[in-house]
Each structure stands twice: as structure tokens, then as C-alpha cells.
Amino acid sequence: MPQRSKWQSLPTEAINPLSLAVDKTPTAEIVDLMVSEDKKVVAAVQRERERIAHGVEIITASVKKGGRIILVGAGTSGRLGVVEAAEVPPTFGTAPAMVQAIMAGGQSAVFKAREGVEDNYEEGSRSISRLRVTKKDVIIGVSASGITPFVRGALTRARKAGARIIFVTCWPGSELQTFVDLIIAPAVGPEVIAGSTRLKAGTATKMVLNMLTTISMIKVGKTYGNLMVDVQTGSEKLKDRARRIVTIVTDLDYDDADALLKKARWDVKAAIVMQKTGSTHASALKKLRQSDDSVRTAIGGEDIEPRLKELLGIKD
């Protein structure tokens, strides 16, 4: 009998031989099974190490030239892109326009599934056109199955605009690899519930996107050591984090750190440079611009690691 389903042979649709009787399996055993399956995700992502590193290089080069990161997806894949776009600005102090997400079905589909919107190739293409993508931008297509028409349409249009394209999928054999700059494809195997890609595929995708965005932000100077020195201070929790970072780096006490941050207009990087170099706020900002936004460079290459080790009680 000829095969009529184009999805049937996809690894994301495969039946997992370890969960055939899951509906009559004791609850605790299902927990064990899912934990065991999720352990495979880390290994699958690790196998994509070199490709992820290359993706970081592509994104870093784009950001340094003023380019944007635009994530495109549908369903779980799209929502994971939305999470990245929402969380990068407050974590790393980026402009909202720098990291954006396109979700098949629009904003309402983030909160409530809209079946069928993922099949609209033309709307995927239009969604990229509306953002006026250029060759400076990086488009990250996200599709667990590797064949989502909405994502395909978006990437095809982005390619015509000359943008760099990274494709994140859980199907290594996706034919989309023929016209993207890089494909990252952790092969996680069949899900505990056949076709439920919000499980292992979703976890793997989240890991990959975390790495692409986080490491890229590290490489463009958004951290000092592992401290979040570009954090936006829009809440009391984040203001407290800013004060603690300044106390760690400068050895000021908590109240003095608060006073310094107020002078620096709650710019953690500027506050550190002001204290370390005796600069005014304006001069500190100039030093940071001249140092490619790197705190370490702006204060003369001083390492933060010894201070952090001391704080943690780590002896060399």
C-alpha cells in the first residue's frame, strides 16, 4: 500500500517502543520513564555542540553590526521563540526590537492554540516582509518536524532578503537544510506520547535557543564574568540584584552601591566603571562605548574571577 502521509516517516511522529502501554502504567513508573527519556535530550543537544557554536558566531556578528534576531515558529516551537524574545531584553538590557518573535496565528495563538495557522506558507512569507528584514538580520526558524509551511514561507522570504538563516529542528533529515546557513537538529527520538513535540523536542529546542541567545549576549559584552551587568532594573528584585552586583565588583557596601547606582541612573555597567576608574557618568559611558560595551575592557582588563571565588569560598 502506498504511503499517503507525509508526516508518517518523521521521527517526531514515531511511536516510542518504551511507552506502548503508558495508559495502564503506574504513575510513578511513568515519571521514571519520562525522566529517562528526558536524559536523552541532553545527549542529543551535546551532539550538536559545534553547530550551536557556529550559530552563536553568526548571531554575534549580526548583533555587532546592528542586526536583529528574529525567531519564527508555530505551536510549541513558536511559543519557545516568544519566550526568548520576551526574556532577552530584561536580562541583557537589549532594545525590544533587537530580539523579536513571529508566531503563526499572531499574539492570540501564544495563549490559545489555533490549529491550521501553521499550514499557511504565504502568511509566513508576509510576516517576514512586514518586518523589512535585511542582510544584517539573523532569522531563526524553529520547527520540531522540520516541515512546517509557515516557517518554510518565512525562511524562503528571509533568504530573498539576504538575511542569515539558522534552522532549529528535531528532524536531521529536513530538506530545509538545503537553503539555510545552518541547521541545528538534536535527534531526541520518539516522544512518550507519539507526536507530542512539546515534550523532548520542546525541551531540546528550549536548550538550543537558550544557548544561542545567552552565549551570543555574553560574546557582545552583556556579562562581566557570569554577572548580569546589563540587567534592567524595572522591579525591586532587579534593583536588589543590581546593588548586589555592584557590591561584589566594587567592594562598596549595600547602601553605597545604591547611591552609586542612582548617580549612574541605574546603569550597572556605568556604575562599575565610575567606581573603578573615578569617572563621571558621561565619561564612564564613553569608556564603555570605546570598549565595545565590555566592562572588563573599560576598567583595564581587571578579572572578576578572584573576587567571585573568594565570595564562594573557592581556593585555588
C-alpha atoms as a PDB file:
ATOM      1  CA  MET A   1       0.000   0.000   0.000  1.00  0.00           C
ATOM      2  CA  PRO A   2       1.478   3.413  -0.955  1.00  0.00           C
ATOM      3  CA  GLN A   3       2.221   5.773   1.915  1.00  0.00           C
ATOM      4  CA  ARG A   4      -0.212   8.701   1.862  1.00  0.00           C
ATOM      5  CA  SER A   5       1.017  10.623   4.917  1.00  0.00           C
ATOM      6  CA  LYS A   6       3.970  12.997   4.574  1.00  0.00           C
ATOM      7  CA  TRP A   7       4.286  13.032   8.364  1.00  0.00           C
ATOM      8  CA  GLN A   8       4.280   9.286   8.984  1.00  0.00           C
ATOM      9  CA  SER A   9       8.012   8.830   8.484  1.00  0.00           C
ATOM     10  CA  LEU A  10       9.064  11.812  10.605  1.00  0.00           C
ATOM     11  CA  PRO A  11      10.969  10.966  13.806  1.00  0.00           C
ATOM     12  CA  THR A  12       8.762  13.461  15.666  1.00  0.00           C
ATOM     13  CA  GLU A  13       5.725  11.317  14.793  1.00  0.00           C
ATOM     14  CA  ALA A  14       7.310   7.948  15.602  1.00  0.00           C
ATOM     15  CA  ILE A  15       5.886   5.529  18.176  1.00  0.00           C
ATOM     16  CA  ASN A  16       8.067   5.046  21.237  1.00  0.00           C
ATOM     17  CA  PRO A  17       8.507   1.320  21.968  1.00  0.00           C
ATOM     18  CA  LEU A  18       9.128   2.064  25.659  1.00  0.00           C
ATOM     19  CA  SER A  19       5.721   3.635  26.298  1.00  0.00           C
ATOM     20  CA  LEU A  20       3.357   1.354  24.389  1.00  0.00           C
ATOM     21  CA  ALA A  21       1.247   0.613  27.469  1.00  0.00           C
ATOM     22  CA  VAL A  22       1.642   4.001  29.147  1.00  0.00           C
ATOM     23  CA  ASP A  23      -2.103   4.365  29.733  1.00  0.00           C
ATOM     24  CA  LYS A  24      -2.078   1.417  32.158  1.00  0.00           C
ATOM     25  CA  THR A  25       1.344   2.026  33.687  1.00  0.00           C
ATOM     26  CA  PRO A  26       1.554   3.088  37.374  1.00  0.00           C
ATOM     27  CA  THR A  27       2.058   6.811  37.794  1.00  0.00           C
ATOM     28  CA  ALA A  28       5.461   6.596  39.482  1.00  0.00           C
ATOM     29  CA  GLU A  29       6.728   4.384  36.670  1.00  0.00           C
ATOM     30  CA  ILE A  30       5.574   6.929  34.086  1.00  0.00           C
ATOM     31  CA  VAL A  31       7.550   9.562  35.967  1.00  0.00           C
ATOM     32  CA  ASP A  32      10.626   7.310  35.809  1.00  0.00           C
ATOM     33  CA  LEU A  33      10.061   6.704  32.106  1.00  0.00           C
ATOM     34  CA  MET A  34       9.766  10.421  31.304  1.00  0.00           C
ATOM     35  CA  VAL A  35      12.878  11.250  33.327  1.00  0.00           C
ATOM     36  CA  SER A  36      14.764   8.510  31.497  1.00  0.00           C
ATOM     37  CA  GLU A  37      13.593   9.833  28.123  1.00  0.00           C
ATOM     38  CA  ASP A  38      14.468  13.413  29.029  1.00  0.00           C
ATOM     39  CA  LYS A  39      18.030  12.347  29.829  1.00  0.00           C
ATOM     40  CA  LYS A  40      18.377  11.579  26.125  1.00  0.00           C
ATOM     41  CA  VAL A  41      17.711  15.241  25.322  1.00  0.00           C
ATOM     42  CA  VAL A  42      20.979  16.446  26.860  1.00  0.00           C
ATOM     43  CA  ALA A  43      22.989  13.933  24.846  1.00  0.00           C
ATOM     44  CA  ALA A  44      21.155  14.905  21.652  1.00  0.00           C
ATOM     45  CA  VAL A  45      21.882  18.594  22.201  1.00  0.00           C
ATOM     46  CA  GLN A  46      25.511  17.843  23.093  1.00  0.00           C
ATOM     47  CA  ARG A  47      25.944  16.151  19.710  1.00  0.00           C
ATOM     48  CA  GLU A  48      25.024  19.497  18.093  1.00  0.00           C
ATOM     49  CA  ARG A  49      27.743  21.344  20.029  1.00  0.00           C
ATOM     50  CA  GLU A  50      29.755  22.517  17.032  1.00  0.00           C
ATOM     51  CA  ARG A  51      26.675  23.650  15.123  1.00  0.00           C
ATOM     52  CA  ILE A  52      25.375  25.591  18.111  1.00  0.00           C
ATOM     53  CA  ALA A  53      28.780  27.275  18.462  1.00  0.00           C
ATOM     54  CA  HIS A  54      28.653  28.231  14.778  1.00  0.00           C
ATOM     55  CA  GLY A  55      25.153  29.622  15.299  1.00  0.00           C
ATOM     56  CA  VAL A  56      26.472  31.809  18.106  1.00  0.00           C
ATOM     57  CA  GLU A  57      29.164  33.140  15.763  1.00  0.00           C
ATOM     58  CA  ILE A  58      26.546  34.035  13.154  1.00  0.00           C
ATOM     59  CA  ILE A  59      24.335  35.810  15.688  1.00  0.00           C
ATOM     60  CA  THR A  60      27.212  37.647  17.379  1.00  0.00           C
ATOM     61  CA  ALA A  61      28.489  39.005  14.075  1.00  0.00           C
ATOM     62  CA  SER A  62      24.992  40.196  13.195  1.00  0.00           C
ATOM     63  CA  VAL A  63      24.358  41.896  16.542  1.00  0.00           C
ATOM     64  CA  LYS A  64      27.686  43.731  16.371  1.00  0.00           C
ATOM     65  CA  LYS A  65      26.602  45.172  13.025  1.00  0.00           C
ATOM     66  CA  GLY A  66      23.266  46.327  14.419  1.00  0.00           C
ATOM     67  CA  GLY A  67      21.276  43.376  13.112  1.00  0.00           C
ATOM     68  CA  ARG A  68      18.221  41.802  14.705  1.00  0.00           C
ATOM     69  CA  ILE A  69      17.478  38.269  15.878  1.00  0.00           C
ATOM     70  CA  ILE A  70      14.062  37.144  14.635  1.00  0.00           C
ATOM     71  CA  LEU A  71      12.625  33.801  15.727  1.00  0.00           C
ATOM     72  CA  VAL A  72       9.851  32.211  13.680  1.00  0.00           C
ATOM     73  CA  GLY A  73       7.701  29.238  14.616  1.00  0.00           C
ATOM     74  CA  ALA A  74       4.282  27.705  15.165  1.00  0.00           C
ATOM     75  CA  GLY A  75       2.762  25.924  18.139  1.00  0.00           C
ATOM     76  CA  THR A  76       5.225  24.937  20.851  1.00  0.00           C
ATOM     77  CA  SER A  77       8.154  25.950  18.641  1.00  0.00           C
ATOM     78  CA  GLY A  78       6.684  29.407  18.153  1.00  0.00           C
ATOM     79  CA  ARG A  79       5.956  29.873  21.845  1.00  0.00           C
ATOM     80  CA  LEU A  80       9.536  28.981  22.730  1.00  0.00           C
ATOM     81  CA  GLY A  81      10.666  31.709  20.349  1.00  0.00           C
ATOM     82  CA  VAL A  82       8.309  34.157  22.051  1.00  0.00           C
ATOM     83  CA  VAL A  83       9.850  33.284  25.425  1.00  0.00           C
ATOM     84  CA  GLU A  84      13.337  34.117  24.126  1.00  0.00           C
ATOM     85  CA  ALA A  85      12.190  37.410  22.619  1.00  0.00           C
ATOM     86  CA  ALA A  86      10.412  38.377  25.853  1.00  0.00           C
ATOM     87  CA  GLU A  87      13.228  37.468  28.227  1.00  0.00           C
ATOM     88  CA  VAL A  88      16.396  38.658  26.474  1.00  0.00           C
ATOM     89  CA  PRO A  89      15.686  42.423  26.872  1.00  0.00           C
ATOM     90  CA  PRO A  90      15.275  42.475  30.684  1.00  0.00           C
ATOM     91  CA  THR A  91      18.116  40.021  31.211  1.00  0.00           C
ATOM     92  CA  PHE A  92      20.655  41.690  28.953  1.00  0.00           C
ATOM     93  CA  GLY A  93      19.379  45.238  28.574  1.00  0.00           C
ATOM     94  CA  THR A  94      18.722  44.973  24.845  1.00  0.00           C
ATOM     95  CA  ALA A  95      16.236  47.071  22.919  1.00  0.00           C
ATOM     96  CA  PRO A  96      12.901  45.270  22.408  1.00  0.00           C
ATOM     97  CA  ALA A  97      13.340  45.423  18.632  1.00  0.00           C
ATOM     98  CA  MET A  98      16.662  43.597  18.745  1.00  0.00           C
ATOM     99  CA  VAL A  99      15.153  40.183  19.512  1.00  0.00           C
ATOM    100  CA  GLN A 100      11.706  39.544  18.062  1.00  0.00           C
ATOM    101  CA  ALA A 101       9.431  36.557  17.603  1.00  0.00           C
ATOM    102  CA  ILE A 102       6.939  35.737  14.890  1.00  0.00           C
ATOM    103  CA  MET A 103       4.230  33.319  15.973  1.00  0.00           C
ATOM    104  CA  ALA A 104       1.973  31.600  13.451  1.00  0.00           C
ATOM    105  CA  GLY A 105      -1.529  32.865  14.205  1.00  0.00           C
ATOM    106  CA  GLY A 106      -0.311  36.021  15.875  1.00  0.00           C
ATOM    107  CA  GLN A 107      -0.315  37.050  19.526  1.00  0.00           C
ATOM    108  CA  SER A 108      -3.552  35.265  20.399  1.00  0.00           C
ATOM    109  CA  ALA A 109      -2.002  31.932  19.347  1.00  0.00           C
ATOM    110  CA  VAL A 110       0.585  32.281  22.123  1.00  0.00           C
ATOM    111  CA  PHE A 111      -2.135  31.751  24.734  1.00  0.00           C
ATOM    112  CA  LYS A 112      -4.586  29.545  22.863  1.00  0.00           C
ATOM    113  CA  ALA A 113      -3.781  27.005  20.185  1.00  0.00           C
ATOM    114  CA  ARG A 114      -5.000  27.963  16.710  1.00  0.00           C
ATOM    115  CA  GLU A 115      -4.899  24.828  14.624  1.00  0.00           C
ATOM    116  CA  GLY A 116      -4.205  25.216  10.922  1.00  0.00           C
ATOM    117  CA  VAL A 117      -2.303  28.508  11.022  1.00  0.00           C
ATOM    118  CA  GLU A 118       0.978  26.607  10.767  1.00  0.00           C
ATOM    119  CA  ASP A 119      -0.047  25.454   7.275  1.00  0.00           C
ATOM    120  CA  ASN A 120      -0.144  28.991   5.837  1.00  0.00           C
ATOM    121  CA  TYR A 121       3.038  29.334   3.770  1.00  0.00           C
ATOM    122  CA  GLU A 122       2.034  32.712   2.356  1.00  0.00           C
ATOM    123  CA  GLU A 123       1.404  34.239   5.777  1.00  0.00           C
ATOM    124  CA  GLY A 124       4.833  33.092   6.910  1.00  0.00           C
ATOM    125  CA  SER A 125       6.322  34.953   3.965  1.00  0.00           C
ATOM    126  CA  ARG A 126       4.235  38.057   4.654  1.00  0.00           C
ATOM    127  CA  SER A 127       5.240  38.071   8.319  1.00  0.00           C
ATOM    128  CA  ILE A 128       8.888  38.476   7.318  1.00  0.00           C
ATOM    129  CA  SER A 129       8.061  41.119   4.717  1.00  0.00           C
ATOM    130  CA  ARG A 130       6.277  43.213   7.343  1.00  0.00           C
ATOM    131  CA  LEU A 131       9.463  43.355   9.428  1.00  0.00           C
ATOM    132  CA  ARG A 132      11.510  44.585   6.456  1.00  0.00           C
ATOM    133  CA  VAL A 133      14.257  42.078   7.053  1.00  0.00           C
ATOM    134  CA  THR A 134      17.714  42.959   5.734  1.00  0.00           C
ATOM    135  CA  LYS A 135      21.018  41.176   5.247  1.00  0.00           C
ATOM    136  CA  LYS A 136      22.150  42.367   8.685  1.00  0.00           C
ATOM    137  CA  ASP A 137      19.468  40.267  10.416  1.00  0.00           C
ATOM    138  CA  VAL A 138      19.513  36.640  11.556  1.00  0.00           C
ATOM    139  CA  ILE A 139      16.322  34.612  11.225  1.00  0.00           C
ATOM    140  CA  ILE A 140      15.984  31.559  13.453  1.00  0.00           C
ATOM    141  CA  GLY A 141      13.354  29.197  12.105  1.00  0.00           C
ATOM    142  CA  VAL A 142      12.022  26.765  14.696  1.00  0.00           C
ATOM    143  CA  SER A 143      10.121  23.654  13.638  1.00  0.00           C
ATOM    144  CA  ALA A 144      10.301  20.358  15.508  1.00  0.00           C
ATOM    145  CA  SER A 145       9.043  18.419  12.482  1.00  0.00           C
ATOM    146  CA  GLY A 146      11.178  20.360  10.025  1.00  0.00           C
ATOM    147  CA  ILE A 147       8.374  20.817   7.508  1.00  0.00           C
ATOM    148  CA  THR A 148       6.042  23.485   8.942  1.00  0.00           C
ATOM    149  CA  PRO A 149       4.781  25.514   5.922  1.00  0.00           C
ATOM    150  CA  PHE A 150       4.502  28.796   7.879  1.00  0.00           C
ATOM    151  CA  VAL A 151       8.158  28.571   8.877  1.00  0.00           C
ATOM    152  CA  ARG A 152       9.159  27.470   5.383  1.00  0.00           C
ATOM    153  CA  GLY A 153       7.449  30.528   3.892  1.00  0.00           C
ATOM    154  CA  ALA A 154       9.156  32.842   6.364  1.00  0.00           C
ATOM    155  CA  LEU A 155      12.607  31.411   5.720  1.00  0.00           C
ATOM    156  CA  THR A 156      12.156  31.492   1.959  1.00  0.00           C
ATOM    157  CA  ARG A 157      11.283  35.192   2.099  1.00  0.00           C
ATOM    158  CA  ALA A 158      14.166  35.885   4.505  1.00  0.00           C
ATOM    159  CA  ARG A 159      16.586  34.206   2.122  1.00  0.00           C
ATOM    160  CA  LYS A 160      15.451  36.502  -0.687  1.00  0.00           C
ATOM    161  CA  ALA A 161      16.153  39.471   1.585  1.00  0.00           C
ATOM    162  CA  GLY A 162      19.704  38.227   2.143  1.00  0.00           C
ATOM    163  CA  ALA A 163      19.338  37.508   5.881  1.00  0.00           C
ATOM    164  CA  ARG A 164      21.393  34.801   7.567  1.00  0.00           C
ATOM    165  CA  ILE A 165      19.237  31.797   8.468  1.00  0.00           C
ATOM    166  CA  ILE A 166      19.561  29.295  11.302  1.00  0.00           C
ATOM    167  CA  PHE A 167      17.095  26.417  11.413  1.00  0.00           C
ATOM    168  CA  VAL A 168      16.372  24.563  14.656  1.00  0.00           C
ATOM    169  CA  THR A 169      14.548  21.258  14.263  1.00  0.00           C
ATOM    170  CA  CYS A 170      14.417  17.742  15.658  1.00  0.00           C
ATOM    171  CA  TRP A 171      14.489  16.147  12.215  1.00  0.00           C
ATOM    172  CA  PRO A 172      18.097  15.965  10.966  1.00  0.00           C
ATOM    173  CA  GLY A 173      16.850  14.928   7.536  1.00  0.00           C
ATOM    174  CA  SER A 174      14.774  18.051   6.936  1.00  0.00           C
ATOM    175  CA  GLU A 175      15.039  19.199   3.331  1.00  0.00           C
ATOM    176  CA  LEU A 176      15.130  22.807   4.582  1.00  0.00           C
ATOM    177  CA  GLN A 177      18.810  22.300   5.267  1.00  0.00           C
ATOM    178  CA  THR A 178      19.428  22.861   1.567  1.00  0.00           C
ATOM    179  CA  PHE A 179      18.758  26.604   1.731  1.00  0.00           C
ATOM    180  CA  VAL A 180      19.642  27.685   5.258  1.00  0.00           C
ATOM    181  CA  ASP A 181      23.056  28.792   6.520  1.00  0.00           C
ATOM    182  CA  LEU A 182      22.985  26.392   9.442  1.00  0.00           C
ATOM    183  CA  ILE A 183      20.759  23.593  10.676  1.00  0.00           C
ATOM    184  CA  ILE A 184      20.821  22.545  14.334  1.00  0.00           C
ATOM    185  CA  ALA A 185      18.988  19.256  14.709  1.00  0.00           C
ATOM    186  CA  PRO A 186      19.095  17.420  18.038  1.00  0.00           C
ATOM    187  CA  ALA A 187      17.746  13.933  17.321  1.00  0.00           C
ATOM    188  CA  VAL A 188      15.780  13.258  20.515  1.00  0.00           C
ATOM    189  CA  GLY A 189      13.872  10.200  19.296  1.00  0.00           C
ATOM    190  CA  PRO A 190      10.158   9.421  19.615  1.00  0.00           C
ATOM    191  CA  GLU A 191       8.077  11.059  22.323  1.00  0.00           C
ATOM    192  CA  VAL A 192       6.439   9.212  25.227  1.00  0.00           C
ATOM    193  CA  ILE A 193       3.142  10.250  23.634  1.00  0.00           C
ATOM    194  CA  ALA A 194       3.607   9.824  19.887  1.00  0.00           C
ATOM    195  CA  GLY A 195       3.765  13.198  18.139  1.00  0.00           C
ATOM    196  CA  SER A 196       3.649  15.318  21.323  1.00  0.00           C
ATOM    197  CA  THR A 197       6.616  17.521  20.481  1.00  0.00           C
ATOM    198  CA  ARG A 198       6.083  19.775  23.488  1.00  0.00           C
ATOM    199  CA  LEU A 199       7.938  17.027  25.378  1.00  0.00           C
ATOM    200  CA  LYS A 200      11.502  16.028  24.402  1.00  0.00           C
ATOM    201  CA  ALA A 201      11.525  18.072  21.213  1.00  0.00           C
ATOM    202  CA  GLY A 202      10.333  21.130  23.129  1.00  0.00           C
ATOM    203  CA  THR A 203      12.957  20.640  25.829  1.00  0.00           C
ATOM    204  CA  ALA A 204      15.746  20.237  23.281  1.00  0.00           C
ATOM    205  CA  THR A 205      14.576  23.294  21.358  1.00  0.00           C
ATOM    206  CA  LYS A 206      14.470  25.378  24.537  1.00  0.00           C
ATOM    207  CA  MET A 207      18.024  24.305  25.382  1.00  0.00           C
ATOM    208  CA  VAL A 208      19.308  25.213  21.928  1.00  0.00           C
ATOM    209  CA  LEU A 209      17.587  28.608  21.881  1.00  0.00           C
ATOM    210  CA  ASN A 210      18.874  29.351  25.403  1.00  0.00           C
ATOM    211  CA  MET A 211      22.402  28.655  24.220  1.00  0.00           C
ATOM    212  CA  LEU A 212      22.134  30.659  21.002  1.00  0.00           C
ATOM    213  CA  THR A 213      20.808  33.785  22.697  1.00  0.00           C
ATOM    214  CA  THR A 214      22.676  33.595  26.001  1.00  0.00           C
ATOM    215  CA  ILE A 215      26.128  32.837  24.588  1.00  0.00           C
ATOM    216  CA  SER A 216      25.680  35.497  21.916  1.00  0.00           C
ATOM    217  CA  MET A 217      24.865  38.063  24.600  1.00  0.00           C
ATOM    218  CA  ILE A 218      27.946  37.004  26.572  1.00  0.00           C
ATOM    219  CA  LYS A 219      30.089  37.462  23.461  1.00  0.00           C
ATOM    220  CA  VAL A 220      28.853  41.034  22.894  1.00  0.00           C
ATOM    221  CA  GLY A 221      29.727  42.090  26.443  1.00  0.00           C
ATOM    222  CA  LYS A 222      26.447  41.677  28.280  1.00  0.00           C
ATOM    223  CA  THR A 223      28.103  39.988  31.278  1.00  0.00           C
ATOM    224  CA  TYR A 224      31.180  40.549  33.436  1.00  0.00           C
ATOM    225  CA  GLY A 225      32.317  37.093  34.429  1.00  0.00           C
ATOM    226  CA  ASN A 226      28.949  35.468  34.974  1.00  0.00           C
ATOM    227  CA  LEU A 227      27.336  38.572  36.437  1.00  0.00           C
ATOM    228  CA  MET A 228      24.318  40.080  34.690  1.00  0.00           C
ATOM    229  CA  VAL A 229      25.748  43.603  34.385  1.00  0.00           C
ATOM    230  CA  ASP A 230      23.280  44.790  31.722  1.00  0.00           C
ATOM    231  CA  VAL A 231      20.232  43.825  33.775  1.00  0.00           C
ATOM    232  CA  GLN A 232      17.259  46.172  33.529  1.00  0.00           C
ATOM    233  CA  THR A 233      16.117  47.337  36.949  1.00  0.00           C
ATOM    234  CA  GLY A 234      12.359  47.517  36.479  1.00  0.00           C
ATOM    235  CA  SER A 235      11.437  45.802  39.747  1.00  0.00           C
ATOM    236  CA  GLU A 236      12.629  45.791  43.348  1.00  0.00           C
ATOM    237  CA  LYS A 237      14.087  42.310  42.863  1.00  0.00           C
ATOM    238  CA  LEU A 238      16.150  43.519  39.922  1.00  0.00           C
ATOM    239  CA  LYS A 239      17.230  46.675  41.736  1.00  0.00           C
ATOM    240  CA  ASP A 240      18.427  44.444  44.556  1.00  0.00           C
ATOM    241  CA  ARG A 241      20.344  42.301  42.075  1.00  0.00           C
ATOM    242  CA  ALA A 242      21.963  45.436  40.648  1.00  0.00           C
ATOM    243  CA  ARG A 243      23.053  46.570  44.110  1.00  0.00           C
ATOM    244  CA  ARG A 244      24.490  43.145  44.904  1.00  0.00           C
ATOM    245  CA  ILE A 245      26.420  43.026  41.630  1.00  0.00           C
ATOM    246  CA  VAL A 246      27.931  46.441  42.317  1.00  0.00           C
ATOM    247  CA  THR A 247      28.896  45.442  45.871  1.00  0.00           C
ATOM    248  CA  ILE A 248      30.591  42.288  44.582  1.00  0.00           C
ATOM    249  CA  VAL A 249      32.578  44.050  41.864  1.00  0.00           C
ATOM    250  CA  THR A 250      33.498  47.269  43.683  1.00  0.00           C
ATOM    251  CA  ASP A 251      33.580  46.181  47.344  1.00  0.00           C
ATOM    252  CA  LEU A 252      31.206  49.001  48.265  1.00  0.00           C
ATOM    253  CA  ASP A 253      28.626  48.287  50.941  1.00  0.00           C
ATOM    254  CA  TYR A 254      24.975  47.875  50.008  1.00  0.00           C
ATOM    255  CA  ASP A 255      23.880  51.450  50.761  1.00  0.00           C
ATOM    256  CA  ASP A 256      26.846  52.986  48.956  1.00  0.00           C
ATOM    257  CA  ALA A 257      26.134  50.748  45.967  1.00  0.00           C
ATOM    258  CA  ASP A 258      22.570  52.057  45.963  1.00  0.00           C
ATOM    259  CA  ALA A 259      23.792  55.664  45.988  1.00  0.00           C
ATOM    260  CA  LEU A 260      26.253  54.958  43.168  1.00  0.00           C
ATOM    261  CA  LEU A 261      23.580  53.304  41.040  1.00  0.00           C
ATOM    262  CA  LYS A 262      21.333  56.321  41.449  1.00  0.00           C
ATOM    263  CA  LYS A 263      24.158  58.542  40.166  1.00  0.00           C
ATOM    264  CA  ALA A 264      24.608  56.096  37.284  1.00  0.00           C
ATOM    265  CA  ARG A 265      20.857  56.182  36.526  1.00  0.00           C
ATOM    266  CA  TRP A 266      20.643  52.504  37.447  1.00  0.00           C
ATOM    267  CA  ASP A 267      23.108  51.520  34.735  1.00  0.00           C
ATOM    268  CA  VAL A 268      25.126  48.750  36.423  1.00  0.00           C
ATOM    269  CA  LYS A 269      27.937  48.863  33.877  1.00  0.00           C
ATOM    270  CA  ALA A 270      28.327  52.617  34.175  1.00  0.00           C
ATOM    271  CA  ALA A 271      28.273  52.397  37.970  1.00  0.00           C
ATOM    272  CA  ILE A 272      31.100  49.856  37.985  1.00  0.00           C
ATOM    273  CA  VAL A 273      33.225  51.893  35.578  1.00  0.00           C
ATOM    274  CA  MET A 274      32.560  55.083  37.561  1.00  0.00           C
ATOM    275  CA  GLN A 275      33.746  53.483  40.793  1.00  0.00           C
ATOM    276  CA  LYS A 276      36.692  51.599  39.306  1.00  0.00           C
ATOM    277  CA  THR A 277      38.079  54.485  37.230  1.00  0.00           C
ATOM    278  CA  GLY A 278      36.873  57.554  39.108  1.00  0.00           C
ATOM    279  CA  SER A 279      34.895  58.646  36.059  1.00  0.00           C
ATOM    280  CA  THR A 280      31.798  60.765  35.808  1.00  0.00           C
ATOM    281  CA  HIS A 281      28.668  59.119  34.458  1.00  0.00           C
ATOM    282  CA  ALA A 282      29.205  60.636  30.997  1.00  0.00           C
ATOM    283  CA  SER A 283      32.869  59.626  30.962  1.00  0.00           C
ATOM    284  CA  ALA A 284      32.010  56.071  32.056  1.00  0.00           C
ATOM    285  CA  LEU A 285      29.559  55.729  29.187  1.00  0.00           C
ATOM    286  CA  LYS A 286      32.231  56.960  26.781  1.00  0.00           C
ATOM    287  CA  LYS A 287      34.718  54.412  28.104  1.00  0.00           C
ATOM    288  CA  LEU A 288      32.171  51.648  27.593  1.00  0.00           C
ATOM    289  CA  ARG A 289      31.485  52.748  24.002  1.00  0.00           C
ATOM    290  CA  GLN A 290      35.215  52.761  23.293  1.00  0.00           C
ATOM    291  CA  SER A 291      35.497  49.277  24.809  1.00  0.00           C
ATOM    292  CA  ASP A 292      32.757  47.639  22.702  1.00  0.00           C
ATOM    293  CA  ASP A 293      30.485  47.730  25.754  1.00  0.00           C
ATOM    294  CA  SER A 294      32.797  45.436  27.753  1.00  0.00           C
ATOM    295  CA  VAL A 295      33.127  46.234  31.462  1.00  0.00           C
ATOM    296  CA  ARG A 296      36.298  44.153  31.685  1.00  0.00           C
ATOM    297  CA  THR A 297      37.973  46.198  28.952  1.00  0.00           C
ATOM    298  CA  ALA A 298      36.641  49.543  30.191  1.00  0.00           C
ATOM    299  CA  ILE A 299      38.230  49.065  33.626  1.00  0.00           C
ATOM    300  CA  GLY A 300      41.588  47.987  32.261  1.00  0.00           C
ATOM    301  CA  GLY A 301      41.157  44.246  31.921  1.00  0.00           C
ATOM    302  CA  GLU A 302      40.636  43.534  35.624  1.00  0.00           C
ATOM    303  CA  ASP A 303      39.387  40.000  36.241  1.00  0.00           C
ATOM    304  CA  ILE A 304      36.324  39.400  38.405  1.00  0.00           C
ATOM    305  CA  GLU A 305      37.006  35.688  38.883  1.00  0.00           C
ATOM    306  CA  PRO A 306      39.230  36.020  42.007  1.00  0.00           C
ATOM    307  CA  ARG A 307      36.559  38.078  43.764  1.00  0.00           C
ATOM    308  CA  LEU A 308      33.834  35.605  42.834  1.00  0.00           C
ATOM    309  CA  LYS A 309      35.948  32.660  44.024  1.00  0.00           C
ATOM    310  CA  GLU A 310      36.511  34.437  47.329  1.00  0.00           C
ATOM    311  CA  LEU A 311      32.794  35.052  47.661  1.00  0.00           C
ATOM    312  CA  LEU A 312      32.081  31.366  47.025  1.00  0.00           C
ATOM    313  CA  GLY A 313      34.864  30.145  49.312  1.00  0.00           C
ATOM    314  CA  ILE A 314      36.777  28.526  46.448  1.00  0.00           C
ATOM    315  CA  LYS A 315      40.506  28.182  46.989  1.00  0.00           C
ATOM    316  CA  ASP A 316      42.938  27.879  44.086  1.00  0.00           C
END
